[in-house]
Amino acid sequence: MRAAEVVSLGRSGLPVSRLGLGLASLGGMYAPVATARAVATVDAAWEHGVRLYDTAPVYGYGRSESVAGLALRPRPRDEYVLCTKVGRLIEPGGPDTQTIWADPPPGLGPRLDYSYPAVLRSVEESLERLGLDRVDVLHVHDPDEDYPTALGEAYRALAELRAAGVVRAVSIGVNHADVAARFLREAPAPGPDCVLLAGRYTLLDQSGLAELLPLALARNVAVLAAGVFQSGLLADPRPGAAYGYAEVPTALLDRIAALRAVCARYAVPPLAAALQFPLGHPAVATVLVGARAPEEVTENARLLDHPVPPALWRDLKSLRLLPENAPTPE
């Protein structure tokens, strides 16, 4: 399995690479990234055949989109797929700030707004920051923050942009599989073309398997799997580290240790298994992985290409570390 392998993004028909680059880190998630380093990171992704890039207005309060545009504008526009999001406007005094962004632009902050006019304004402002004439995929970002408005107004705005040919695909970006499944069921036809699912179809969490992934497959809705490294927990499961928990549960640490032991038996880096596992499901088109330096992109491409024997997946299932019905890469 290679990073540059190209597949269709569900019914949208957009050609995407199996490995996508998430651009949150380049917006300064947890630590600032110098502009030159950020551009070099995108350049490295391009050299490895990555042709899917995902950003959002809230990532660094506009910085991620600005860097994305700076790095991608010299590239042939029809040779990559660019995604951004709606649901948060970046404006002076925006009150819905997040502590994870290092050194945000002074005076600016996000404001949650899924209304029809706010979505149209958000798209215009994203294009200004990107310095591009279009994006290919628009996600409704975290629709559970205001589900009725996200479904009734944000989706309607994006569906109209799709019908007018302004964007090729409409999507939702979610952290909860049940929210995504509900949105797919309740959105007016033809519904979203894809779903960005963060952290809910991974080696540690298969909650997307029961309802969302079968529903997406039946409707030819492509899934973009993100958060597959579980915020670093798979790479470095230290007992004192939080990884989104007040304290990592002992049972989870034990499960990770068992996963790592199986990987060690077959000389497979745990992160290689983590990257490749979601792609075993036919609904999953691509894995989105962030990076903050060129060498991280190179390592992710190497991990995606690392051989994983079928026996490893069988062992994980026999130990009940994966569900028996979870499809695994061939």
C-alpha atoms as a PDB file:
ATOM      1  CA  MET A   1       0.000   0.000   0.000  1.00  0.00           C
ATOM      2  CA  ARG A   2       1.572   3.231  -1.126  1.00  0.00           C
ATOM      3  CA  ALA A   3       0.947   6.822  -0.055  1.00  0.00           C
ATOM      4  CA  ALA A   4       0.600   7.926  -3.675  1.00  0.00           C
ATOM      5  CA  GLU A   5      -1.953   5.273  -4.651  1.00  0.00           C
ATOM      6  CA  VAL A   6      -4.960   7.129  -6.086  1.00  0.00           C
ATOM      7  CA  VAL A   7      -8.573   6.168  -5.392  1.00  0.00           C
ATOM      8  CA  SER A   8     -11.908   7.838  -6.000  1.00  0.00           C
ATOM      9  CA  LEU A   9     -13.409   9.867  -3.171  1.00  0.00           C
ATOM     10  CA  GLY A  10     -16.727   8.056  -3.198  1.00  0.00           C
ATOM     11  CA  ARG A  11     -19.424   9.279  -5.535  1.00  0.00           C
ATOM     12  CA  SER A  12     -17.711  12.666  -5.939  1.00  0.00           C
ATOM     13  CA  GLY A  13     -15.222  11.015  -8.277  1.00  0.00           C
ATOM     14  CA  LEU A  14     -12.419  13.220  -6.966  1.00  0.00           C
ATOM     15  CA  PRO A  15      -9.046  11.444  -7.234  1.00  0.00           C
ATOM     16  CA  VAL A  16      -7.290  11.356  -3.848  1.00  0.00           C
ATOM     17  CA  SER A  17      -4.118   9.750  -2.576  1.00  0.00           C
ATOM     18  CA  ARG A  18      -4.370   7.050   0.072  1.00  0.00           C
ATOM     19  CA  LEU A  19      -2.363   9.303   2.395  1.00  0.00           C
ATOM     20  CA  GLY A  20      -3.686  12.791   2.999  1.00  0.00           C
ATOM     21  CA  LEU A  21      -1.997  15.621   4.881  1.00  0.00           C
ATOM     22  CA  GLY A  22      -3.925  17.234   7.709  1.00  0.00           C
ATOM     23  CA  LEU A  23      -2.832  20.835   8.163  1.00  0.00           C
ATOM     24  CA  ALA A  24      -3.880  21.532  11.748  1.00  0.00           C
ATOM     25  CA  SER A  25      -0.319  21.200  13.040  1.00  0.00           C
ATOM     26  CA  LEU A  26       0.901  23.750  10.504  1.00  0.00           C
ATOM     27  CA  GLY A  27      -1.570  26.218  11.996  1.00  0.00           C
ATOM     28  CA  GLY A  28       0.328  26.000  15.287  1.00  0.00           C
ATOM     29  CA  MET A  29      -1.393  23.196  17.158  1.00  0.00           C
ATOM     30  CA  TYR A  30       0.333  23.044  20.559  1.00  0.00           C
ATOM     31  CA  ALA A  31       3.497  24.715  19.202  1.00  0.00           C
ATOM     32  CA  PRO A  32       4.184  27.282  16.486  1.00  0.00           C
ATOM     33  CA  VAL A  33       5.563  26.190  13.117  1.00  0.00           C
ATOM     34  CA  ALA A  34       7.642  28.663  11.126  1.00  0.00           C
ATOM     35  CA  THR A  35       6.240  29.482   7.702  1.00  0.00           C
ATOM     36  CA  ALA A  36       9.271  28.155   5.827  1.00  0.00           C
ATOM     37  CA  ARG A  37       9.070  24.861   7.708  1.00  0.00           C
ATOM     38  CA  ALA A  38       5.346  24.603   7.077  1.00  0.00           C
ATOM     39  CA  VAL A  39       5.803  25.106   3.341  1.00  0.00           C
ATOM     40  CA  ALA A  40       8.643  22.567   3.323  1.00  0.00           C
ATOM     41  CA  THR A  41       6.309  20.064   5.010  1.00  0.00           C
ATOM     42  CA  VAL A  42       3.712  20.455   2.259  1.00  0.00           C
ATOM     43  CA  ASP A  43       6.495  20.221  -0.331  1.00  0.00           C
ATOM     44  CA  ALA A  44       7.645  16.933   1.199  1.00  0.00           C
ATOM     45  CA  ALA A  45       4.095  15.591   1.071  1.00  0.00           C
ATOM     46  CA  TRP A  46       3.891  16.509  -2.595  1.00  0.00           C
ATOM     47  CA  GLU A  47       7.160  14.693  -3.319  1.00  0.00           C
ATOM     48  CA  HIS A  48       5.717  11.554  -1.716  1.00  0.00           C
ATOM     49  CA  GLY A  49       2.654  11.710  -3.943  1.00  0.00           C
ATOM     50  CA  VAL A  50       0.219  13.142  -1.397  1.00  0.00           C
ATOM     51  CA  ARG A  51      -2.571  14.866  -3.311  1.00  0.00           C
ATOM     52  CA  LEU A  52      -5.140  15.434  -0.563  1.00  0.00           C
ATOM     53  CA  TYR A  53      -4.804  18.379   1.832  1.00  0.00           C
ATOM     54  CA  ASP A  54      -7.219  19.231   4.637  1.00  0.00           C
ATOM     55  CA  THR A  55      -7.372  22.537   6.489  1.00  0.00           C
ATOM     56  CA  ALA A  56      -9.932  24.666   8.361  1.00  0.00           C
ATOM     57  CA  PRO A  57     -10.452  28.307   9.349  1.00  0.00           C
ATOM     58  CA  VAL A  58     -10.129  27.460  13.049  1.00  0.00           C
ATOM     59  CA  TYR A  59      -6.679  25.882  12.625  1.00  0.00           C
ATOM     60  CA  GLY A  60      -4.494  28.647  13.984  1.00  0.00           C
ATOM     61  CA  TYR A  61      -7.346  31.119  13.367  1.00  0.00           C
ATOM     62  CA  GLY A  62      -6.599  31.370   9.659  1.00  0.00           C
ATOM     63  CA  ARG A  63      -2.907  30.520   9.698  1.00  0.00           C
ATOM     64  CA  SER A  64      -3.306  26.986   8.405  1.00  0.00           C
ATOM     65  CA  GLU A  65      -5.324  28.141   5.400  1.00  0.00           C
ATOM     66  CA  SER A  66      -2.809  30.903   4.673  1.00  0.00           C
ATOM     67  CA  VAL A  67       0.091  28.453   4.773  1.00  0.00           C
ATOM     68  CA  ALA A  68      -1.832  25.947   2.674  1.00  0.00           C
ATOM     69  CA  GLY A  69      -2.388  28.553   0.000  1.00  0.00           C
ATOM     70  CA  LEU A  70       1.221  29.693   0.069  1.00  0.00           C
ATOM     71  CA  ALA A  71       2.463  26.130  -0.377  1.00  0.00           C
ATOM     72  CA  LEU A  72      -0.114  24.947  -2.909  1.00  0.00           C
ATOM     73  CA  ARG A  73      -0.559  27.970  -5.187  1.00  0.00           C
ATOM     74  CA  PRO A  74       2.536  27.087  -7.273  1.00  0.00           C
ATOM     75  CA  ARG A  75       1.128  23.587  -7.905  1.00  0.00           C
ATOM     76  CA  PRO A  76      -1.111  22.685 -10.861  1.00  0.00           C
ATOM     77  CA  ARG A  77      -4.586  23.246  -9.433  1.00  0.00           C
ATOM     78  CA  ASP A  78      -6.181  20.192 -11.009  1.00  0.00           C
ATOM     79  CA  GLU A  79      -3.549  17.846  -9.554  1.00  0.00           C
ATOM     80  CA  TYR A  80      -4.642  17.978  -5.902  1.00  0.00           C
ATOM     81  CA  VAL A  81      -7.782  17.948  -3.791  1.00  0.00           C
ATOM     82  CA  LEU A  82      -8.144  20.665  -1.157  1.00  0.00           C
ATOM     83  CA  CYS A  83     -10.609  20.511   1.727  1.00  0.00           C
ATOM     84  CA  THR A  84     -11.606  23.172   4.212  1.00  0.00           C
ATOM     85  CA  LYS A  85     -14.463  23.602   6.663  1.00  0.00           C
ATOM     86  CA  VAL A  86     -17.368  25.821   7.662  1.00  0.00           C
ATOM     87  CA  GLY A  87     -19.008  26.452  11.010  1.00  0.00           C
ATOM     88  CA  ARG A  88     -16.562  28.888  12.589  1.00  0.00           C
ATOM     89  CA  LEU A  89     -15.925  32.451  11.472  1.00  0.00           C
ATOM     90  CA  ILE A  90     -12.575  34.035  12.316  1.00  0.00           C
ATOM     91  CA  GLU A  91     -13.105  37.628  13.382  1.00  0.00           C
ATOM     92  CA  PRO A  92     -11.963  40.276  15.868  1.00  0.00           C
ATOM     93  CA  GLY A  93     -12.994  39.279  19.366  1.00  0.00           C
ATOM     94  CA  GLY A  94     -14.307  35.874  18.313  1.00  0.00           C
ATOM     95  CA  PRO A  95     -15.305  34.301  21.650  1.00  0.00           C
ATOM     96  CA  ASP A  96     -15.054  30.552  20.956  1.00  0.00           C
ATOM     97  CA  THR A  97     -11.313  30.331  21.452  1.00  0.00           C
ATOM     98  CA  GLN A  98      -9.343  27.128  21.955  1.00  0.00           C
ATOM     99  CA  THR A  99      -6.212  26.837  24.094  1.00  0.00           C
ATOM    100  CA  ILE A 100      -4.481  24.408  21.735  1.00  0.00           C
ATOM    101  CA  TRP A 101      -3.358  27.069  19.248  1.00  0.00           C
ATOM    102  CA  ALA A 102       0.080  28.497  19.925  1.00  0.00           C
ATOM    103  CA  ASP A 103       0.664  32.173  19.222  1.00  0.00           C
ATOM    104  CA  PRO A 104      -2.659  32.895  17.488  1.00  0.00           C
ATOM    105  CA  PRO A 105      -3.032  36.130  15.478  1.00  0.00           C
ATOM    106  CA  PRO A 106      -3.605  38.947  17.975  1.00  0.00           C
ATOM    107  CA  GLY A 107      -7.182  40.048  18.454  1.00  0.00           C
ATOM    108  CA  LEU A 108      -8.734  37.300  16.325  1.00  0.00           C
ATOM    109  CA  GLY A 109     -10.817  34.359  17.441  1.00  0.00           C
ATOM    110  CA  PRO A 110     -13.401  31.926  16.141  1.00  0.00           C
ATOM    111  CA  ARG A 111     -17.145  32.329  16.493  1.00  0.00           C
ATOM    112  CA  LEU A 112     -19.411  29.336  16.011  1.00  0.00           C
ATOM    113  CA  ASP A 113     -21.998  30.067  13.330  1.00  0.00           C
ATOM    114  CA  TYR A 114     -23.678  27.447  11.126  1.00  0.00           C
ATOM    115  CA  SER A 115     -26.226  29.819   9.599  1.00  0.00           C
ATOM    116  CA  TYR A 116     -26.685  30.020   5.839  1.00  0.00           C
ATOM    117  CA  PRO A 117     -25.161  33.518   5.440  1.00  0.00           C
ATOM    118  CA  ALA A 118     -22.263  32.683   7.772  1.00  0.00           C
ATOM    119  CA  VAL A 119     -21.376  29.622   5.708  1.00  0.00           C
ATOM    120  CA  LEU A 120     -21.261  31.641   2.491  1.00  0.00           C
ATOM    121  CA  ARG A 121     -19.140  34.274   4.225  1.00  0.00           C
ATOM    122  CA  SER A 122     -16.844  31.571   5.624  1.00  0.00           C
ATOM    123  CA  VAL A 123     -16.211  30.133   2.169  1.00  0.00           C
ATOM    124  CA  GLU A 124     -15.390  33.574   0.749  1.00  0.00           C
ATOM    125  CA  GLU A 125     -12.978  34.315   3.590  1.00  0.00           C
ATOM    126  CA  SER A 126     -11.313  30.913   3.263  1.00  0.00           C
ATOM    127  CA  LEU A 127     -10.693  31.559  -0.432  1.00  0.00           C
ATOM    128  CA  GLU A 128      -9.163  34.931   0.441  1.00  0.00           C
ATOM    129  CA  ARG A 129      -6.785  33.342   2.953  1.00  0.00           C
ATOM    130  CA  LEU A 130      -5.919  30.528   0.578  1.00  0.00           C
ATOM    131  CA  GLY A 131      -5.443  32.854  -2.382  1.00  0.00           C
ATOM    132  CA  LEU A 132      -7.131  30.250  -4.590  1.00  0.00           C
ATOM    133  CA  ASP A 133     -10.246  30.347  -6.738  1.00  0.00           C
ATOM    134  CA  ARG A 134     -11.837  27.216  -5.321  1.00  0.00           C
ATOM    135  CA  VAL A 135     -11.769  24.428  -2.794  1.00  0.00           C
ATOM    136  CA  ASP A 136     -12.840  20.919  -3.734  1.00  0.00           C
ATOM    137  CA  VAL A 137     -14.412  19.586  -0.522  1.00  0.00           C
ATOM    138  CA  LEU A 138     -16.258  21.544   2.154  1.00  0.00           C
ATOM    139  CA  HIS A 139     -16.860  19.930   5.545  1.00  0.00           C
ATOM    140  CA  VAL A 140     -19.453  21.084   8.071  1.00  0.00           C
ATOM    141  CA  HIS A 141     -17.064  21.224  11.032  1.00  0.00           C
ATOM    142  CA  ASP A 142     -18.315  19.660  14.294  1.00  0.00           C
ATOM    143  CA  PRO A 143     -22.035  19.805  13.410  1.00  0.00           C
ATOM    144  CA  ASP A 144     -22.932  18.526  16.883  1.00  0.00           C
ATOM    145  CA  GLU A 145     -22.033  21.975  18.253  1.00  0.00           C
ATOM    146  CA  ASP A 146     -25.355  23.221  16.815  1.00  0.00           C
ATOM    147  CA  TYR A 147     -26.893  20.258  15.066  1.00  0.00           C
ATOM    148  CA  PRO A 148     -30.248  21.758  13.976  1.00  0.00           C
ATOM    149  CA  THR A 149     -28.599  24.757  12.297  1.00  0.00           C
ATOM    150  CA  ALA A 150     -25.775  22.687  10.848  1.00  0.00           C
ATOM    151  CA  LEU A 151     -28.283  20.344   9.227  1.00  0.00           C
ATOM    152  CA  GLY A 152     -30.901  22.899   8.268  1.00  0.00           C
ATOM    153  CA  GLU A 153     -28.732  25.808   7.099  1.00  0.00           C
ATOM    154  CA  ALA A 154     -25.043  24.896   6.731  1.00  0.00           C
ATOM    155  CA  TYR A 155     -25.776  21.742   4.754  1.00  0.00           C
ATOM    156  CA  ARG A 156     -28.286  23.600   2.561  1.00  0.00           C
ATOM    157  CA  ALA A 157     -25.677  26.253   1.724  1.00  0.00           C
ATOM    158  CA  LEU A 158     -23.067  23.640   0.850  1.00  0.00           C
ATOM    159  CA  ALA A 159     -25.534  21.591  -1.193  1.00  0.00           C
ATOM    160  CA  GLU A 160     -26.362  24.702  -3.225  1.00  0.00           C
ATOM    161  CA  LEU A 161     -22.652  25.396  -3.787  1.00  0.00           C
ATOM    162  CA  ARG A 162     -22.236  21.808  -4.967  1.00  0.00           C
ATOM    163  CA  ALA A 163     -25.241  22.054  -7.296  1.00  0.00           C
ATOM    164  CA  ALA A 164     -23.799  25.256  -8.763  1.00  0.00           C
ATOM    165  CA  GLY A 165     -20.440  23.554  -9.357  1.00  0.00           C
ATOM    166  CA  VAL A 166     -18.595  25.820  -6.926  1.00  0.00           C
ATOM    167  CA  VAL A 167     -17.404  22.774  -4.944  1.00  0.00           C
ATOM    168  CA  ARG A 168     -17.189  19.142  -5.988  1.00  0.00           C
ATOM    169  CA  ALA A 169     -18.081  17.490  -2.689  1.00  0.00           C
ATOM    170  CA  VAL A 170     -19.941  18.212   0.545  1.00  0.00           C
ATOM    171  CA  SER A 171     -18.829  16.569   3.760  1.00  0.00           C
ATOM    172  CA  ILE A 172     -18.992  16.676   7.534  1.00  0.00           C
ATOM    173  CA  GLY A 173     -16.023  16.644   9.901  1.00  0.00           C
ATOM    174  CA  VAL A 174     -16.863  14.837  13.129  1.00  0.00           C
ATOM    175  CA  ASN A 175     -15.370  13.260  16.231  1.00  0.00           C
ATOM    176  CA  HIS A 176     -18.371  11.022  16.914  1.00  0.00           C
ATOM    177  CA  ALA A 177     -19.539   8.221  14.638  1.00  0.00           C
ATOM    178  CA  ASP A 178     -23.138   8.386  15.853  1.00  0.00           C
ATOM    179  CA  VAL A 179     -23.365  12.073  14.909  1.00  0.00           C
ATOM    180  CA  ALA A 180     -22.086  11.293  11.413  1.00  0.00           C
ATOM    181  CA  ALA A 181     -24.538   8.425  10.940  1.00  0.00           C
ATOM    182  CA  ARG A 182     -27.435  10.613  12.074  1.00  0.00           C
ATOM    183  CA  PHE A 183     -26.393  13.392   9.700  1.00  0.00           C
ATOM    184  CA  LEU A 184     -26.192  10.978   6.753  1.00  0.00           C
ATOM    185  CA  ARG A 185     -29.660   9.659   7.536  1.00  0.00           C
ATOM    186  CA  GLU A 186     -31.287  13.063   8.064  1.00  0.00           C
ATOM    187  CA  ALA A 187     -29.652  15.290   5.434  1.00  0.00           C
ATOM    188  CA  PRO A 188     -31.860  15.930   2.402  1.00  0.00           C
ATOM    189  CA  ALA A 189     -30.987  13.939  -0.704  1.00  0.00           C
ATOM    190  CA  PRO A 190     -28.482  13.464  -2.161  1.00  0.00           C
ATOM    191  CA  GLY A 191     -26.737  14.049   1.182  1.00  0.00           C
ATOM    192  CA  PRO A 192     -23.042  14.426   1.954  1.00  0.00           C
ATOM    193  CA  ASP A 193     -20.508  12.892  -0.415  1.00  0.00           C
ATOM    194  CA  CYS A 194     -17.990  12.068   2.293  1.00  0.00           C
ATOM    195  CA  VAL A 195     -17.304  12.082   6.029  1.00  0.00           C
ATOM    196  CA  LEU A 196     -14.131  13.057   7.847  1.00  0.00           C
ATOM    197  CA  LEU A 197     -14.149  10.793  10.902  1.00  0.00           C
ATOM    198  CA  ALA A 198     -11.563  11.602  13.571  1.00  0.00           C
ATOM    199  CA  GLY A 199     -10.451   8.924  16.017  1.00  0.00           C
ATOM    200  CA  ARG A 200     -13.425   6.584  15.646  1.00  0.00           C
ATOM    201  CA  TYR A 201     -12.072   3.974  13.272  1.00  0.00           C
ATOM    202  CA  THR A 202      -8.628   3.139  14.532  1.00  0.00           C
ATOM    203  CA  LEU A 203      -6.714   0.291  16.134  1.00  0.00           C
ATOM    204  CA  LEU A 204      -7.986   1.485  19.516  1.00  0.00           C
ATOM    205  CA  ASP A 205     -11.511   2.617  18.664  1.00  0.00           C
ATOM    206  CA  GLN A 206     -13.762   0.904  16.134  1.00  0.00           C
ATOM    207  CA  SER A 207     -16.982   2.653  17.139  1.00  0.00           C
ATOM    208  CA  GLY A 208     -17.528   3.674  13.516  1.00  0.00           C
ATOM    209  CA  LEU A 209     -17.804   0.046  12.434  1.00  0.00           C
ATOM    210  CA  ALA A 210     -21.270  -0.793  13.742  1.00  0.00           C
ATOM    211  CA  GLU A 211     -23.411   1.804  11.962  1.00  0.00           C
ATOM    212  CA  LEU A 212     -21.529   4.570  10.187  1.00  0.00           C
ATOM    213  CA  LEU A 213     -19.211   2.599   7.919  1.00  0.00           C
ATOM    214  CA  PRO A 214     -21.884   0.202   6.598  1.00  0.00           C
ATOM    215  CA  LEU A 215     -24.186   3.184   5.979  1.00  0.00           C
ATOM    216  CA  ALA A 216     -21.431   5.085   4.173  1.00  0.00           C
ATOM    217  CA  LEU A 217     -20.588   2.044   2.060  1.00  0.00           C
ATOM    218  CA  ALA A 218     -24.220   1.502   1.088  1.00  0.00           C
ATOM    219  CA  ARG A 219     -24.518   5.145  -0.035  1.00  0.00           C
ATOM    220  CA  ASN A 220     -21.086   5.361  -1.701  1.00  0.00           C
ATOM    221  CA  VAL A 221     -20.077   8.017   0.824  1.00  0.00           C
ATOM    222  CA  ALA A 222     -16.316   8.094   1.221  1.00  0.00           C
ATOM    223  CA  VAL A 223     -14.789   8.134   4.700  1.00  0.00           C
ATOM    224  CA  LEU A 224     -11.600  10.052   5.428  1.00  0.00           C
ATOM    225  CA  ALA A 225     -10.101   8.465   8.537  1.00  0.00           C
ATOM    226  CA  ALA A 226      -8.244  10.907  10.781  1.00  0.00           C
ATOM    227  CA  GLY A 227      -6.739  10.676  14.259  1.00  0.00           C
ATOM    228  CA  VAL A 228      -5.417   7.185  13.566  1.00  0.00           C
ATOM    229  CA  PHE A 229      -2.456   7.629  15.932  1.00  0.00           C
ATOM    230  CA  GLN A 230      -4.803   8.506  18.826  1.00  0.00           C
ATOM    231  CA  SER A 231      -2.884  11.690  19.680  1.00  0.00           C
ATOM    232  CA  GLY A 232       0.376   9.778  20.065  1.00  0.00           C
ATOM    233  CA  LEU A 233      -0.955   7.218  22.515  1.00  0.00           C
ATOM    234  CA  LEU A 234      -0.012   4.287  20.268  1.00  0.00           C
ATOM    235  CA  ALA A 235       3.500   5.579  19.741  1.00  0.00           C
ATOM    236  CA  ASP A 236       4.426   6.367  23.333  1.00  0.00           C
ATOM    237  CA  PRO A 237       1.944   4.945  25.873  1.00  0.00           C
ATOM    238  CA  ARG A 238       3.525   6.386  29.004  1.00  0.00           C
ATOM    239  CA  PRO A 239       1.396   6.006  32.159  1.00  0.00           C
ATOM    240  CA  GLY A 240       1.854   9.655  33.135  1.00  0.00           C
ATOM    241  CA  ALA A 241       0.772  11.116  29.804  1.00  0.00           C
ATOM    242  CA  ALA A 242      -2.760  12.443  29.395  1.00  0.00           C
ATOM    243  CA  TYR A 243      -3.566  12.154  25.662  1.00  0.00           C
ATOM    244  CA  GLY A 244      -6.954  13.744  26.241  1.00  0.00           C
ATOM    245  CA  TYR A 245      -7.543  11.868  29.509  1.00  0.00           C
ATOM    246  CA  ALA A 246      -7.124  13.155  33.038  1.00  0.00           C
ATOM    247  CA  GLU A 247      -5.255   9.885  33.403  1.00  0.00           C
ATOM    248  CA  VAL A 248      -5.034   7.145  30.783  1.00  0.00           C
ATOM    249  CA  PRO A 249      -7.136   4.189  32.012  1.00  0.00           C
ATOM    250  CA  THR A 250      -5.107   1.158  33.017  1.00  0.00           C
ATOM    251  CA  ALA A 251      -7.243  -1.118  30.845  1.00  0.00           C
ATOM    252  CA  LEU A 252      -6.422   1.002  27.803  1.00  0.00           C
ATOM    253  CA  LEU A 253      -2.707   0.902  28.574  1.00  0.00           C
ATOM    254  CA  ASP A 254      -2.924  -2.881  28.879  1.00  0.00           C
ATOM    255  CA  ARG A 255      -4.680  -3.091  25.533  1.00  0.00           C
ATOM    256  CA  ILE A 256      -2.028  -0.940  23.890  1.00  0.00           C
ATOM    257  CA  ALA A 257       0.700  -3.111  25.380  1.00  0.00           C
ATOM    258  CA  ALA A 258      -0.967  -6.194  23.899  1.00  0.00           C
ATOM    259  CA  LEU A 259      -1.257  -4.506  20.503  1.00  0.00           C
ATOM    260  CA  ARG A 260       2.388  -3.503  20.571  1.00  0.00           C
ATOM    261  CA  ALA A 261       3.427  -7.035  21.556  1.00  0.00           C
ATOM    262  CA  VAL A 262       1.669  -8.495  18.505  1.00  0.00           C
ATOM    263  CA  CYS A 263       3.294  -5.896  16.268  1.00  0.00           C
ATOM    264  CA  ALA A 264       6.712  -6.683  17.756  1.00  0.00           C
ATOM    265  CA  ARG A 265       6.192 -10.380  17.032  1.00  0.00           C
ATOM    266  CA  TYR A 266       5.947  -9.574  13.328  1.00  0.00           C
ATOM    267  CA  ALA A 267       8.506  -6.746  13.324  1.00  0.00           C
ATOM    268  CA  VAL A 268       5.821  -4.243  12.326  1.00  0.00           C
ATOM    269  CA  PRO A 269       5.936  -0.724  13.767  1.00  0.00           C
ATOM    270  CA  PRO A 270       2.683  -0.115  15.662  1.00  0.00           C
ATOM    271  CA  LEU A 271       2.141   3.086  13.740  1.00  0.00           C
ATOM    272  CA  ALA A 272       2.370   1.194  10.437  1.00  0.00           C
ATOM    273  CA  ALA A 273      -0.480  -1.043  11.582  1.00  0.00           C
ATOM    274  CA  ALA A 274      -2.373   2.023  12.806  1.00  0.00           C
ATOM    275  CA  LEU A 275      -2.047   3.780   9.450  1.00  0.00           C
ATOM    276  CA  GLN A 276      -3.009   0.762   7.381  1.00  0.00           C
ATOM    277  CA  PHE A 277      -5.843  -0.728   9.432  1.00  0.00           C
ATOM    278  CA  PRO A 278      -8.586   1.813   8.497  1.00  0.00           C
ATOM    279  CA  LEU A 279      -7.860   1.368   4.798  1.00  0.00           C
ATOM    280  CA  GLY A 280      -8.959  -2.251   5.050  1.00  0.00           C
ATOM    281  CA  HIS A 281     -12.582  -1.106   5.146  1.00  0.00           C
ATOM    282  CA  PRO A 282     -13.999  -0.484   1.657  1.00  0.00           C
ATOM    283  CA  ALA A 283     -15.763   2.685   2.808  1.00  0.00           C
ATOM    284  CA  VAL A 284     -12.457   4.315   3.820  1.00  0.00           C
ATOM    285  CA  ALA A 285     -10.794   6.098   0.923  1.00  0.00           C
ATOM    286  CA  THR A 286      -7.866   7.734   2.672  1.00  0.00           C
ATOM    287  CA  VAL A 287      -6.141   8.349   5.986  1.00  0.00           C
ATOM    288  CA  LEU A 288      -5.442  11.942   6.998  1.00  0.00           C
ATOM    289  CA  VAL A 289      -2.333  12.401   9.109  1.00  0.00           C
ATOM    290  CA  GLY A 290      -0.888  15.644  10.356  1.00  0.00           C
ATOM    291  CA  ALA A 291       2.773  16.631  10.314  1.00  0.00           C
ATOM    292  CA  ARG A 292       4.793  19.601  11.449  1.00  0.00           C
ATOM    293  CA  ALA A 293       8.071  18.824   9.644  1.00  0.00           C
ATOM    294  CA  PRO A 294       9.137  17.251   6.333  1.00  0.00           C
ATOM    295  CA  GLU A 295      10.714  14.245   8.035  1.00  0.00           C
ATOM    296  CA  GLU A 296       7.384  13.379   9.676  1.00  0.00           C
ATOM    297  CA  VAL A 297       5.729  13.203   6.262  1.00  0.00           C
ATOM    298  CA  THR A 298       8.533  10.962   5.005  1.00  0.00           C
ATOM    299  CA  GLU A 299       8.101   8.683   8.008  1.00  0.00           C
ATOM    300  CA  ASN A 300       4.342   8.454   7.537  1.00  0.00           C
ATOM    301  CA  ALA A 301       4.775   7.517   3.876  1.00  0.00           C
ATOM    302  CA  ARG A 302       7.285   4.845   4.909  1.00  0.00           C
ATOM    303  CA  LEU A 303       4.931   3.464   7.538  1.00  0.00           C
ATOM    304  CA  LEU A 304       2.071   3.231   5.059  1.00  0.00           C
ATOM    305  CA  ASP A 305       4.323   1.250   2.730  1.00  0.00           C
ATOM    306  CA  HIS A 306       5.651  -1.106   5.447  1.00  0.00           C
ATOM    307  CA  PRO A 307       4.620  -4.751   4.851  1.00  0.00           C
ATOM    308  CA  VAL A 308       2.064  -6.031   7.347  1.00  0.00           C
ATOM    309  CA  PRO A 309       1.496  -9.807   7.184  1.00  0.00           C
ATOM    310  CA  PRO A 310      -2.111 -11.064   7.251  1.00  0.00           C
ATOM    311  CA  ALA A 311      -1.210 -13.149  10.298  1.00  0.00           C
ATOM    312  CA  LEU A 312      -0.830  -9.970  12.359  1.00  0.00           C
ATOM    313  CA  TRP A 313      -4.466  -9.014  11.758  1.00  0.00           C
ATOM    314  CA  ARG A 314      -5.573 -12.586  12.528  1.00  0.00           C
ATOM    315  CA  ASP A 315      -3.692 -12.515  15.833  1.00  0.00           C
ATOM    316  CA  LEU A 316      -5.252  -9.186  16.801  1.00  0.00           C
ATOM    317  CA  LYS A 317      -8.691 -10.662  16.181  1.00  0.00           C
ATOM    318  CA  SER A 318      -7.953 -13.893  18.033  1.00  0.00           C
ATOM    319  CA  LEU A 319      -6.890 -11.840  21.053  1.00  0.00           C
ATOM    320  CA  ARG A 320     -10.069  -9.726  20.716  1.00  0.00           C
ATOM    321  CA  LEU A 321      -8.016  -6.625  20.108  1.00  0.00           C
ATOM    322  CA  LEU A 322      -9.994  -6.131  16.890  1.00  0.00           C
ATOM    323  CA  PRO A 323     -13.580  -7.146  16.143  1.00  0.00           C
ATOM    324  CA  GLU A 324     -13.905 -10.330  14.124  1.00  0.00           C
ATOM    325  CA  ASN A 325     -15.982  -8.488  11.510  1.00  0.00           C
ATOM    326  CA  ALA A 326     -13.485  -5.671  10.967  1.00  0.00           C
ATOM    327  CA  PRO A 327     -12.168  -5.809   7.393  1.00  0.00           C
ATOM    328  CA  THR A 328      -8.377  -5.762   7.263  1.00  0.00           C
ATOM    329  CA  PRO A 329      -5.982  -4.786   4.461  1.00  0.00           C
ATOM    330  CA  GLU A 330      -5.131  -7.538   2.010  1.00  0.00           C
END
